[in-house]
Amino acid sequence: MSPAARERVTAAVHSAITTILPGLDPGAIDHGKHLKDLGADSVERVEIILMITDRLGVRRPLSDFSGIPTVAALIDDLCRTES
């Protein structure tokens, strides 16, 4: 995947997180943390994933994302889907 494409995925992830969690400072998004560690409850985590997949045009079951442990792993997974 090109650096530009990876940046597009990362930007979509960050945008969805800060849209659903408006109180979270964008600089506080730690790629080593799980979404729940950033303050997202279960409903917000689903909303974040739905927003990201919609923005990127990814069509996969939500269950595919349930075992992803960190924001970095989510970005990596989406990058594999995009390539």
Foldseek 3Di string as FASTA:
>chain_A
DDPVVLVVLVVLLLVLLCVLVVVQDSVPQDQQADSVVSPDDPVSVLSSVVSSCVVVVNDDDPVVVPPQGGNVSVSVVVVVSVD
